[in-house]
Amino acid sequence: MQPDLFTPTAAADAIGVTTSTLATWRCRGSGPAYIKRNGKVFYRRADVAAFIASRTTEHGGAQ
């Protein structure tokens, strides 16, 4: 496996969800982008990081 690719288990750990959640997201067309190689699912590190960043919110405001 290339170092810039996550397995579903590693991607789930990075995002903070289960591998079942990732599988559900793949079926629904949501979640981070993924690729298939030889029938196996992988996630690019950059796609996982972008997905995490897109779900990050900052609280607070001008005081």
C-alpha atoms as a PDB file:
ATOM      1  CA  MET A   1       0.000   0.000   0.000  1.00  0.00           C
ATOM      2  CA  GLN A   2       1.205   3.497  -0.772  1.00  0.00           C
ATOM      3  CA  PRO A   3       2.006   5.725   2.215  1.00  0.00           C
ATOM      4  CA  ASP A   4      -0.475   8.388   1.061  1.00  0.00           C
ATOM      5  CA  LEU A   5      -3.402   5.960   1.290  1.00  0.00           C
ATOM      6  CA  PHE A   6      -5.483   4.980   4.294  1.00  0.00           C
ATOM      7  CA  THR A   7      -7.251   1.666   4.721  1.00  0.00           C
ATOM      8  CA  PRO A   8     -10.888   2.015   5.790  1.00  0.00           C
ATOM      9  CA  THR A   9      -9.829   1.191   9.364  1.00  0.00           C
ATOM     10  CA  ALA A  10      -7.162   3.908   9.422  1.00  0.00           C
ATOM     11  CA  ALA A  11      -9.503   6.429   7.786  1.00  0.00           C
ATOM     12  CA  ALA A  12     -12.252   5.644  10.298  1.00  0.00           C
ATOM     13  CA  ASP A  13      -9.796   6.118  13.176  1.00  0.00           C
ATOM     14  CA  ALA A  14      -8.638   9.460  11.766  1.00  0.00           C
ATOM     15  CA  ILE A  15     -12.209  10.719  11.336  1.00  0.00           C
ATOM     16  CA  GLY A  16     -13.498   9.272  14.590  1.00  0.00           C
ATOM     17  CA  VAL A  17     -16.176   6.965  13.196  1.00  0.00           C
ATOM     18  CA  THR A  18     -16.533   3.228  12.688  1.00  0.00           C
ATOM     19  CA  THR A  19     -15.721   1.346   9.517  1.00  0.00           C
ATOM     20  CA  SER A  20     -19.451   0.602   9.286  1.00  0.00           C
ATOM     21  CA  THR A  21     -20.163   4.317   9.140  1.00  0.00           C
ATOM     22  CA  LEU A  22     -17.635   4.726   6.320  1.00  0.00           C
ATOM     23  CA  ALA A  23     -19.292   1.860   4.434  1.00  0.00           C
ATOM     24  CA  THR A  24     -22.701   3.484   4.876  1.00  0.00           C
ATOM     25  CA  TRP A  25     -21.342   6.811   3.652  1.00  0.00           C
ATOM     26  CA  ARG A  26     -19.860   5.110   0.558  1.00  0.00           C
ATOM     27  CA  CYS A  27     -23.256   3.572  -0.250  1.00  0.00           C
ATOM     28  CA  ARG A  28     -24.987   6.932   0.207  1.00  0.00           C
ATOM     29  CA  GLY A  29     -22.393   8.871  -1.764  1.00  0.00           C
ATOM     30  CA  SER A  30     -21.345  10.962   1.207  1.00  0.00           C
ATOM     31  CA  GLY A  31     -18.222  10.994   3.343  1.00  0.00           C
ATOM     32  CA  PRO A  32     -14.673  11.375   2.099  1.00  0.00           C
ATOM     33  CA  ALA A  33     -13.768  10.488  -1.478  1.00  0.00           C
ATOM     34  CA  TYR A  34     -12.394   6.980  -1.886  1.00  0.00           C
ATOM     35  CA  ILE A  35     -10.737   4.868  -4.524  1.00  0.00           C
ATOM     36  CA  LYS A  36     -10.865   1.164  -5.312  1.00  0.00           C
ATOM     37  CA  ARG A  37      -7.780  -0.798  -6.287  1.00  0.00           C
ATOM     38  CA  ASN A  38      -8.044  -4.486  -7.057  1.00  0.00           C
ATOM     39  CA  GLY A  39     -11.446  -4.539  -5.379  1.00  0.00           C
ATOM     40  CA  LYS A  40     -10.167  -2.939  -2.159  1.00  0.00           C
ATOM     41  CA  VAL A  41     -11.217   0.461  -0.814  1.00  0.00           C
ATOM     42  CA  PHE A  42      -8.651   3.106   0.081  1.00  0.00           C
ATOM     43  CA  TYR A  43      -8.821   6.743   1.113  1.00  0.00           C
ATOM     44  CA  ARG A  44      -6.260   9.377   0.141  1.00  0.00           C
ATOM     45  CA  ARG A  45      -4.812  11.152   3.167  1.00  0.00           C
ATOM     46  CA  ALA A  46      -5.552  14.523   1.563  1.00  0.00           C
ATOM     47  CA  ASP A  47      -9.219  13.576   1.024  1.00  0.00           C
ATOM     48  CA  VAL A  48      -9.580  12.445   4.639  1.00  0.00           C
ATOM     49  CA  ALA A  49      -7.949  15.670   5.866  1.00  0.00           C
ATOM     50  CA  ALA A  50     -10.236  17.771   3.644  1.00  0.00           C
ATOM     51  CA  PHE A  51     -13.292  15.884   4.902  1.00  0.00           C
ATOM     52  CA  ILE A  52     -12.274  16.462   8.518  1.00  0.00           C
ATOM     53  CA  ALA A  53     -11.657  20.155   7.812  1.00  0.00           C
ATOM     54  CA  SER A  54     -15.067  20.488   6.146  1.00  0.00           C
ATOM     55  CA  ARG A  55     -16.750  19.164   9.294  1.00  0.00           C
ATOM     56  CA  THR A  56     -14.817  21.424  11.660  1.00  0.00           C
ATOM     57  CA  THR A  57     -16.664  24.389  13.068  1.00  0.00           C
ATOM     58  CA  GLU A  58     -15.397  27.185  15.218  1.00  0.00           C
ATOM     59  CA  HIS A  59     -17.559  28.534  17.984  1.00  0.00           C
ATOM     60  CA  GLY A  60     -17.467  32.007  19.332  1.00  0.00           C
ATOM     61  CA  GLY A  61     -17.542  35.286  17.599  1.00  0.00           C
ATOM     62  CA  ALA A  62     -16.883  38.943  17.967  1.00  0.00           C
ATOM     63  CA  GLN A  63     -17.172  40.035  21.538  1.00  0.00           C
END
